Amino acid sequence: MSALRPFLRLFLRHPWRLSLGVLLAIVTLLASIGLLALSGWFLAASSLAGLAGLYSFNYMLPAAGVRGAAISRTAARYFERLVSHDATFRVLQHLRVFTFSRLIALAPGQLATFRQGDLLNRFVGDVDTLDHLYLRVIAPLAGAVVVIVVVTLGISLLDVGLALTLGGVMLATLLLLPLFYRLGAPAGRAIAQQRAQWRLRLMHWLSGQAELAIYGLSDRWRAQLDRDEARWQKAQQQQQRLQALSQSLLLLISGATVTLLLWMSADSLTRDASSGGLIALVVFCALAAFEALGPVAGAFLPLAQVIAAAQRVTGIIGQTPAIRFPASATSAAGSLSVAIDQVTFRYPHRPEAVLEGFSLQVRAGERVALLGPTGCGKSTLLALLTRAWDVEAGSITLQEVALRSWDEKSLRQRISVVTQRVHLFNQTLRENLRVARPDASDAQLSEALRQSGLTRLLESEEGLNAWLGEGGRPLSGGELRRLAIARALLHDGDLWLLDEPTEGLDAATEQQILALLQQVTAGKTLIMVTHRLSGLETLDRICVIENGQIVEQGAHHELISKEGRYWHFQQRFAL
């Protein structure tokens, strides 16, 4: 239950709406009980009055009471639904905002430990499950408690013995029903887990259809998906059986209680036949009161599922953000110099250090290339500069200001990044470009595309309105890379971090992009990770990295143009 505490606090943001919803639910229940009880008394009393009652019995007043109770129940039910669902949607909104605010504060490295499908399922499916807490647990329990108290007090005005008997049985039933939480906990947890697993596998199956079809594994994955669905349905069936058992038990207790009340009233009925109306009122009131307990019978079954969902969400938002930015803005004008001093870094769950005692000085406006074999720490270095990770030891400064002292907004504004993996959103070409510059005009977006060699995208009928789809399926790998460069052009930071910017491009396009980068980064600081030697002659310095250390550095003519040196680099890096 402790997993629900952070989310229960969010419910307190709307105490009036939630309380009003519970109050209207109670009014609805009491109106239903009053309607059935009054109808039972009216029928019994009319029967006892017989034909003589046509002159002595007041039919109009009870009939008006029945109609008033029916109207009250209908109106209360309508407004209860209106208020309760409005409050629930508001709470759900806060749940999503609260969860996303905690999620967005986590470092990319922390989020990388979760698979994307699992992260999405926790953020959407599990958060939606939490709204059951109010509608299916809290509101029914509060209504049941009030109904027991009101019914007991109301019947005590007629017969204390019958009132205490009915109230005692209902209270005992209410205390017995939490047993179903224990019985349904395994099924509830299984539903939450199997649903998450099934959705994750479904997402992978849909996104990987092309690859699965090529390798003939689509049917095997579909069979596994069906097995996951069967396990999920089995857990749901188990919960439904418990739901039926709880309702059957409640019906059995209700029938036994009514029988007991009739047995207790038999003596008074033999002494005074006119008391039949009051006995009918008590019996029908008992039937209606147990009907009010019906939602409570199933309230404890989804509780285990809600708790499991809360635990899964807490598994993400309960993490302490590994990266914290200061609140004050950083003022450092001009091109950024970079100073990396004795930096050591290792990834979690990996004992070996990727960088160890690494040092590099880059002057403001200098353009540097980082060469080295795969896994030597080149991309990790760029991740450290953007604070996707923090260094384990050593220090990094930008423009003689410690990287940890830069606020996030200033840091992001001053750095343009082209990563190895280019992510495109399931949006239009325009919206994907405006990720880098939200206020860019269509003319600026088109110019960035032309500079990046993506004029073809503008020649289609849709133009900037072209829908790129999930992951940019219509684009080739080279076009994805050029689109990332177009984003960097729009962002136009003072420090450019390029991770394999020409990977996947043909020789002509590569030369075009390198010439473009030389033009747009004039006067800016540039650090480029690459495995290719072409175009490096335009850079100021080349640094060769091996085993997390710089083993050689110098200008292009010093390292590559020397006799035999070009062959040496080809053999070392398979260039």
Foldseek 3Di string as FASTA:
>chain_A
DVLCVVLVVLLVVPVPLLVLLLVLLLQLLVLLLQLQLLVLLLVQLDVVCPPVCVPVPDNPVSVVSNVVSVVSNVVSVVVSVVSLVVSLVVSLVVLLVVLVVLQVLAFPLLVVVDDPLLVVCLSPVLSVLLSCCRVQAVSLVSSLVVLLVVQLVVCVVVPNVLSCLLSVLSVVLLVVLLVVLVVQLVLLLQLLVLVSVLRSLVVCLVVCVVVCVVVVNNVVSVVVSVVSVVSNVVSVVSLVVQLVVLLVVLVVSLVVSLVVLCVVCVVVCVVPVSCSSVSSSSNSSSVSSSVSCSSVSSSSNNVSNSSSSSVSSCVNSVDDHQADADPDADDDDFAKKKWWAQFWADRPPDPAILAGGATDTGDFQAAEEEAEAPSNCQVVVVCCLLPSDDTPDTFMDINNHTSRHHGNVVSLLQEQEQDPQQFADQAFQLVRLCVLPVPDDPVLLCVLCVLLVNNVQQPDPCRRRHGQGGRSVVDDPQVSLSSSSSSSLVSLHQEYEYEASRPPHDPVSSVSVLVSCLVSNRSGYYYYYHHDDPSQQSGAKYFYGGNNYTPDMGHCCVQCVPVPRVVVSCVRHVD
